[in-house]
C-alpha atoms as a PDB file:
ATOM      1  CA  MET A   1     -13.563  -5.508  18.881  1.00  0.00           C
ATOM      2  CA  ASN A   2     -17.232  -5.388  19.892  1.00  0.00           C
ATOM      3  CA  ILE A   3     -20.351  -4.797  17.784  1.00  0.00           C
ATOM      4  CA  GLN A   4     -20.540  -1.123  18.745  1.00  0.00           C
ATOM      5  CA  GLU A   5     -16.970  -0.562  17.569  1.00  0.00           C
ATOM      6  CA  VAL A   6     -17.750  -2.330  14.274  1.00  0.00           C
ATOM      7  CA  PHE A   7     -20.729  -0.029  13.671  1.00  0.00           C
ATOM      8  CA  GLN A   8     -18.641   3.023  14.560  1.00  0.00           C
ATOM      9  CA  ILE A   9     -15.945   1.988  12.074  1.00  0.00           C
ATOM     10  CA  ILE A  10     -18.438   1.357   9.271  1.00  0.00           C
ATOM     11  CA  ALA A  11     -20.374   4.569   9.944  1.00  0.00           C
ATOM     12  CA  GLY A  12     -17.092   6.476  10.236  1.00  0.00           C
ATOM     13  CA  ILE A  13     -16.015   5.406   6.749  1.00  0.00           C
ATOM     14  CA  PHE A  14     -19.106   7.085   5.306  1.00  0.00           C
ATOM     15  CA  VAL A  15     -19.428  10.024   7.721  1.00  0.00           C
ATOM     16  CA  ARG A  16     -15.875  10.912   8.801  1.00  0.00           C
ATOM     17  CA  GLY A  17     -14.122   9.784   5.603  1.00  0.00           C
ATOM     18  CA  ASP A  18     -10.409  10.547   5.627  1.00  0.00           C
ATOM     19  CA  GLN A  19     -10.172  10.771   9.396  1.00  0.00           C
ATOM     20  CA  GLN A  20     -11.686   7.290   9.840  1.00  0.00           C
ATOM     21  CA  TRP A  21      -9.161   5.741   7.432  1.00  0.00           C
ATOM     22  CA  LEU A  22      -6.334   7.427   9.340  1.00  0.00           C
ATOM     23  CA  ASP A  23      -7.749   6.212  12.680  1.00  0.00           C
ATOM     24  CA  LEU A  24      -7.922   2.654  11.352  1.00  0.00           C
ATOM     25  CA  LYS A  25      -4.330   2.817  10.183  1.00  0.00           C
ATOM     26  CA  GLU A  26      -3.261   4.145  13.575  1.00  0.00           C
ATOM     27  CA  ARG A  27      -5.127   1.433  15.522  1.00  0.00           C
ATOM     28  CA  LYS A  28      -3.291  -1.285  13.554  1.00  0.00           C
ATOM     29  CA  TYR A  29      -5.988  -3.934  13.547  1.00  0.00           C
ATOM     30  CA  GLY A  30      -4.674  -7.291  12.441  1.00  0.00           C
ATOM     31  CA  TRP A  31      -6.191  -8.774   9.304  1.00  0.00           C
ATOM     32  CA  GLN A  32      -7.678 -11.609  11.386  1.00  0.00           C
ATOM     33  CA  VAL A  33      -9.667  -9.140  13.534  1.00  0.00           C
ATOM     34  CA  ILE A  34     -11.077  -7.373  10.459  1.00  0.00           C
ATOM     35  CA  LEU A  35     -11.809 -10.717   8.828  1.00  0.00           C
ATOM     36  CA  ILE A  36     -13.711 -12.123  11.824  1.00  0.00           C
ATOM     37  CA  HIS A  37     -15.631  -8.995  12.846  1.00  0.00           C
ATOM     38  CA  ILE A  38     -16.362  -7.287   9.519  1.00  0.00           C
ATOM     39  CA  THR A  39     -15.593  -9.350   6.413  1.00  0.00           C
ATOM     40  CA  ILE A  40     -17.084 -12.719   7.347  1.00  0.00           C
ATOM     41  CA  PRO A  41     -20.422 -11.423   8.737  1.00  0.00           C
ATOM     42  CA  PHE A  42     -21.059  -9.190   5.706  1.00  0.00           C
ATOM     43  CA  LEU A  43     -19.849 -11.877   3.317  1.00  0.00           C
ATOM     44  CA  PHE A  44     -22.075 -14.472   4.998  1.00  0.00           C
ATOM     45  CA  LEU A  45     -25.167 -12.262   4.632  1.00  0.00           C
ATOM     46  CA  SER A  46     -24.411 -11.262   1.045  1.00  0.00           C
ATOM     47  CA  SER A  47     -23.676 -14.880   0.031  1.00  0.00           C
ATOM     48  CA  TYR A  48     -26.962 -15.948   1.585  1.00  0.00           C
ATOM     49  CA  ALA A  49     -28.715 -13.120  -0.276  1.00  0.00           C
ATOM     50  CA  ALA A  50     -27.016 -14.176  -3.528  1.00  0.00           C
ATOM     51  CA  VAL A  51     -28.804 -17.521  -3.269  1.00  0.00           C
ATOM     52  CA  PHE A  52     -32.081 -15.653  -3.791  1.00  0.00           C
ATOM     53  CA  SER A  53     -30.936 -12.817  -6.051  1.00  0.00           C
ATOM     54  CA  THR A  54     -28.808 -14.696  -8.606  1.00  0.00           C
ATOM     55  CA  PRO A  55     -30.790 -15.771 -11.682  1.00  0.00           C
ATOM     56  CA  VAL A  56     -31.248 -19.545 -11.961  1.00  0.00           C
ATOM     57  CA  GLU A  57     -29.318 -19.844 -15.237  1.00  0.00           C
ATOM     58  CA  LEU A  58     -26.244 -18.244 -13.637  1.00  0.00           C
ATOM     59  CA  LYS A  59     -26.272 -20.763 -10.775  1.00  0.00           C
ATOM     60  CA  PHE A  60     -25.754 -23.696 -13.172  1.00  0.00           C
ATOM     61  CA  ASN A  61     -28.578 -25.645 -11.492  1.00  0.00           C
ATOM     62  CA  LEU A  62     -26.649 -25.831  -8.242  1.00  0.00           C
ATOM     63  CA  ALA A  63     -28.636 -26.366  -5.070  1.00  0.00           C
ATOM     64  CA  PRO A  64     -29.009 -23.259  -2.875  1.00  0.00           C
ATOM     65  CA  THR A  65     -26.604 -24.635  -0.276  1.00  0.00           C
ATOM     66  CA  SER A  66     -23.955 -25.352  -2.903  1.00  0.00           C
ATOM     67  CA  TRP A  67     -24.370 -21.888  -4.439  1.00  0.00           C
ATOM     68  CA  PHE A  68     -24.034 -20.293  -0.993  1.00  0.00           C
ATOM     69  CA  PHE A  69     -20.727 -22.071  -0.373  1.00  0.00           C
ATOM     70  CA  VAL A  70     -19.482 -21.231  -3.883  1.00  0.00           C
ATOM     71  CA  MET A  71     -20.186 -17.527  -3.331  1.00  0.00           C
ATOM     72  CA  PHE A  72     -18.885 -17.421   0.246  1.00  0.00           C
ATOM     73  CA  ILE A  73     -15.647 -19.330  -0.304  1.00  0.00           C
ATOM     74  CA  SER A  74     -14.742 -17.745  -3.652  1.00  0.00           C
ATOM     75  CA  ASN A  75     -15.309 -14.191  -2.392  1.00  0.00           C
ATOM     76  CA  LEU A  76     -13.458 -14.814   0.875  1.00  0.00           C
ATOM     77  CA  LEU A  77     -10.476 -16.317  -0.928  1.00  0.00           C
ATOM     78  CA  ALA A  78     -10.571 -13.500  -3.498  1.00  0.00           C
ATOM     79  CA  ILE A  79     -10.288 -10.850  -0.790  1.00  0.00           C
ATOM     80  CA  LEU A  80      -7.502 -12.659   1.062  1.00  0.00           C
ATOM     81  CA  SER A  81      -5.416 -13.657  -1.958  1.00  0.00           C
ATOM     82  CA  SER A  82      -5.782 -10.380  -3.854  1.00  0.00           C
ATOM     83  CA  ALA A  83      -4.880  -8.504  -0.647  1.00  0.00           C
ATOM     84  CA  GLY A  84      -1.540 -10.295  -0.676  1.00  0.00           C
ATOM     85  CA  MET A  85      -0.952  -9.389  -4.311  1.00  0.00           C
ATOM     86  CA  ILE A  86      -1.980  -5.761  -3.784  1.00  0.00           C
ATOM     87  CA  ALA A  87       0.281  -5.486  -0.715  1.00  0.00           C
ATOM     88  CA  ALA A  88       3.181  -6.876  -2.758  1.00  0.00           C
ATOM     89  CA  LEU A  89       2.425  -4.354  -5.522  1.00  0.00           C
ATOM     90  CA  ALA A  90       2.325  -1.320  -3.186  1.00  0.00           C
ATOM     91  CA  PRO A  91       6.122  -0.696  -2.912  1.00  0.00           C
ATOM     92  CA  ARG A  92       6.339  -0.312  -6.713  1.00  0.00           C
ATOM     93  CA  PHE A  93       4.009   2.698  -6.329  1.00  0.00           C
ATOM     94  CA  ASN A  94       5.898   4.096  -3.302  1.00  0.00           C
ATOM     95  CA  GLY A  95       3.295   2.694  -0.910  1.00  0.00           C
ATOM     96  CA  GLU A  96       3.854   0.596   2.175  1.00  0.00           C
ATOM     97  CA  ARG A  97       3.572  -3.148   2.077  1.00  0.00           C
ATOM     98  CA  SER A  98       1.026  -3.942   4.788  1.00  0.00           C
ATOM     99  CA  TYR A  99      -1.224  -6.976   4.416  1.00  0.00           C
ATOM    100  CA  ASP A 100      -3.270  -5.870   7.451  1.00  0.00           C
ATOM    101  CA  ASN A 101      -4.013  -2.459   5.941  1.00  0.00           C
ATOM    102  CA  VAL A 102      -4.904  -3.909   2.538  1.00  0.00           C
ATOM    103  CA  VAL A 103      -7.331  -6.452   4.046  1.00  0.00           C
ATOM    104  CA  THR A 104      -8.899  -3.627   6.075  1.00  0.00           C
ATOM    105  CA  LEU A 105      -9.136  -1.457   2.969  1.00  0.00           C
ATOM    106  CA  LEU A 106     -10.699  -4.200   0.829  1.00  0.00           C
ATOM    107  CA  SER A 107     -13.110  -5.353   3.526  1.00  0.00           C
ATOM    108  CA  LEU A 108     -14.445  -1.893   4.280  1.00  0.00           C
ATOM    109  CA  SER A 109     -14.531  -0.849   0.630  1.00  0.00           C
ATOM    110  CA  TYR A 110     -16.541  -3.969  -0.224  1.00  0.00           C
ATOM    111  CA  ILE A 111     -19.330  -3.135   2.276  1.00  0.00           C
ATOM    112  CA  PRO A 112     -21.473  -1.195  -0.274  1.00  0.00           C
ATOM    113  CA  VAL A 113     -21.332  -4.198  -2.648  1.00  0.00           C
ATOM    114  CA  PHE A 114     -22.315  -6.550   0.185  1.00  0.00           C
ATOM    115  CA  VAL A 115     -25.233  -4.303   1.177  1.00  0.00           C
ATOM    116  CA  ALA A 116     -26.376  -3.956  -2.461  1.00  0.00           C
ATOM    117  CA  THR A 117     -26.391  -7.752  -2.815  1.00  0.00           C
ATOM    118  CA  ILE A 118     -28.473  -8.077   0.336  1.00  0.00           C
ATOM    119  CA  LEU A 119     -30.953  -5.449  -0.889  1.00  0.00           C
ATOM    120  CA  GLY A 120     -31.160  -7.160  -4.296  1.00  0.00           C
ATOM    121  CA  ALA A 121     -32.423 -10.325  -2.620  1.00  0.00           C
ATOM    122  CA  PHE A 122     -35.593  -8.596  -1.419  1.00  0.00           C
ATOM    123  CA  HIS A 123     -36.908  -7.629  -4.844  1.00  0.00           C
ATOM    124  CA  PRO A 124     -35.487  -7.518  -8.402  1.00  0.00           C
ATOM    125  CA  VAL A 125     -36.077  -3.746  -8.485  1.00  0.00           C
ATOM    126  CA  PHE A 126     -33.415  -3.311  -5.793  1.00  0.00           C
ATOM    127  CA  ARG A 127     -30.762  -4.928  -7.998  1.00  0.00           C
ATOM    128  CA  VAL A 128     -30.158  -1.484  -9.463  1.00  0.00           C
ATOM    129  CA  PHE A 129     -28.362  -0.714  -6.195  1.00  0.00           C
ATOM    130  CA  SER A 130     -25.588  -3.096  -7.249  1.00  0.00           C
ATOM    131  CA  ILE A 131     -24.292  -0.441  -9.672  1.00  0.00           C
ATOM    132  CA  ALA A 132     -24.392   2.212  -6.950  1.00  0.00           C
ATOM    133  CA  GLY A 133     -22.657  -0.213  -4.568  1.00  0.00           C
ATOM    134  CA  LEU A 134     -19.885  -0.850  -7.081  1.00  0.00           C
ATOM    135  CA  VAL A 135     -19.341   2.872  -7.700  1.00  0.00           C
ATOM    136  CA  LEU A 136     -19.254   3.563  -3.954  1.00  0.00           C
ATOM    137  CA  MET A 137     -16.834   0.672  -3.455  1.00  0.00           C
ATOM    138  CA  ILE A 138     -14.445   2.135  -6.047  1.00  0.00           C
ATOM    139  CA  PHE A 139     -14.748   5.581  -4.438  1.00  0.00           C
ATOM    140  CA  LEU A 140     -13.959   4.196  -0.958  1.00  0.00           C
ATOM    141  CA  PHE A 141     -11.071   2.158  -2.329  1.00  0.00           C
ATOM    142  CA  LEU A 142      -9.565   5.201  -4.080  1.00  0.00           C
ATOM    143  CA  LYS A 143      -9.818   7.250  -0.898  1.00  0.00           C
ATOM    144  CA  GLY A 144      -8.316   4.471   1.216  1.00  0.00           C
ATOM    145  CA  VAL A 145      -5.395   3.745  -1.118  1.00  0.00           C
ATOM    146  CA  ARG A 146      -3.738   7.039  -0.264  1.00  0.00           C
ATOM    147  CA  LEU A 147      -4.547   6.964   3.440  1.00  0.00           C
ATOM    148  CA  MET A 148      -4.139   3.268   4.319  1.00  0.00           C
ATOM    149  CA  ILE A 149      -1.339   2.234   1.959  1.00  0.00           C
ATOM    150  CA  GLY A 150       0.392   5.593   1.548  1.00  0.00           C
ATOM    151  CA  VAL A 151       0.472   5.644  -2.243  1.00  0.00           C
ATOM    152  CA  PRO A 152       1.352   9.208  -3.375  1.00  0.00           C
ATOM    153  CA  VAL A 153      -1.445  11.208  -5.018  1.00  0.00           C
ATOM    154  CA  HIS A 154       0.231  11.241  -8.449  1.00  0.00           C
ATOM    155  CA  LYS A 155       0.424   7.408  -8.461  1.00  0.00           C
ATOM    156  CA  GLN A 156      -2.901   6.759  -6.747  1.00  0.00           C
ATOM    157  CA  MET A 157      -5.077   6.296  -9.871  1.00  0.00           C
ATOM    158  CA  GLY A 158      -2.648   3.906 -11.553  1.00  0.00           C
ATOM    159  CA  PHE A 159      -2.256   1.811  -8.428  1.00  0.00           C
ATOM    160  CA  ALA A 160      -6.011   1.739  -7.735  1.00  0.00           C
ATOM    161  CA  PHE A 161      -6.783   0.769 -11.331  1.00  0.00           C
ATOM    162  CA  ILE A 162      -4.308  -2.126 -11.319  1.00  0.00           C
ATOM    163  CA  ALA A 163      -5.403  -3.236  -7.831  1.00  0.00           C
ATOM    164  CA  LEU A 164      -9.115  -3.259  -8.738  1.00  0.00           C
ATOM    165  CA  ILE A 165      -8.481  -5.130 -12.002  1.00  0.00           C
ATOM    166  CA  LEU A 166      -6.441  -7.636  -9.998  1.00  0.00           C
ATOM    167  CA  LEU A 167      -9.201  -7.980  -7.383  1.00  0.00           C
ATOM    168  CA  PHE A 168     -11.958  -8.565  -9.936  1.00  0.00           C
ATOM    169  CA  ALA A 169      -9.823 -10.936 -12.039  1.00  0.00           C
ATOM    170  CA  VAL A 170      -8.947 -13.039  -8.986  1.00  0.00           C
ATOM    171  CA  ARG A 171     -12.623 -13.034  -7.963  1.00  0.00           C
ATOM    172  CA  VAL A 172     -13.776 -14.262 -11.399  1.00  0.00           C
ATOM    173  CA  ILE A 173     -11.118 -16.964 -11.528  1.00  0.00           C
ATOM    174  CA  LEU A 174     -11.881 -18.233  -8.012  1.00  0.00           C
ATOM    175  CA  LEU A 175     -15.640 -18.107  -8.647  1.00  0.00           C
ATOM    176  CA  SER A 176     -15.144 -20.203 -11.795  1.00  0.00           C
ATOM    177  CA  ILE A 177     -12.972 -22.734  -9.969  1.00  0.00           C
ATOM    178  CA  ALA A 178     -15.380 -22.963  -7.012  1.00  0.00           C
ATOM    179  CA  THR A 179     -18.369 -23.385  -9.349  1.00  0.00           C
ATOM    180  CA  ALA A 180     -16.623 -26.127 -11.347  1.00  0.00           C
ATOM    181  CA  PHE A 181     -15.632 -27.851  -8.114  1.00  0.00           C
ATOM    182  CA  ALA A 182     -19.208 -27.680  -6.777  1.00  0.00           C
ATOM    183  CA  LEU A 183     -20.592 -28.992 -10.079  1.00  0.00           C
ATOM    184  CA  ALA A 184     -18.119 -31.882 -10.003  1.00  0.00           C
ATOM    185  CA  ILE A 185     -18.955 -32.769  -6.394  1.00  0.00           C
ATOM    186  CA  THR A 186     -22.719 -32.611  -6.921  1.00  0.00           C
ATOM    187  CA  GLY A 187     -22.486 -34.612 -10.128  1.00  0.00           C
ATOM    188  CA  THR A 188     -24.132 -31.964 -12.294  1.00  0.00           C
ATOM    189  CA  LEU A 189     -20.990 -31.061 -14.240  1.00  0.00           C
ATOM    190  CA  TYR A 190     -22.029 -33.153 -17.259  1.00  0.00           C
ATOM    191  CA  GLU A 191     -25.422 -31.443 -17.355  1.00  0.00           C
ATOM    192  CA  VAL A 192     -23.694 -28.080 -17.868  1.00  0.00           C
ATOM    193  CA  ILE A 193     -21.000 -29.150 -20.345  1.00  0.00           C
ATOM    194  CA  PRO A 194     -22.466 -29.702 -23.822  1.00  0.00           C
ATOM    195  CA  GLN A 195     -22.098 -33.272 -25.014  1.00  0.00           C
ATOM    196  CA  VAL A 196     -19.856 -33.741 -28.051  1.00  0.00           C
END
């Protein structure tokens, strides 16, 4: 996969919609290809942007480098681990169990959130785009659930709701673990925990 193909895929999701999802399913990209060419570059940029856009009190006094690694690793692991759970959940909703398709779906659906995070780093006014990015992410995910995973229309909303709750719960848990780990390594854990 080259850079031109990546741009065509991303633009196709927004311009061609349903047809692009069907093309992606037909091409059968492995999850590693999507991870290397789409997920990691966008995640790298948005994690770097989060260093500048996250308020200081939410970073728990972590150094910028530590906060970057916390954001990058926790989000990457959240996408990969929740993709496995969502793929395992799909047959219960008459969908197909395909880890590759779920990673593709999550990675491409997450692009608006990544872009909103990057824009939010330029000026606090642009942080309003994070809401628009989240709404667009949910919209893309809903559209892709039917086309990439094959969940029937009458079960699509239930599956998407459970899958998104699962994704966000896993993300929060992994972010908490990564933050605690970074605080322990840097020695600032006792500054955050109130003394008894």
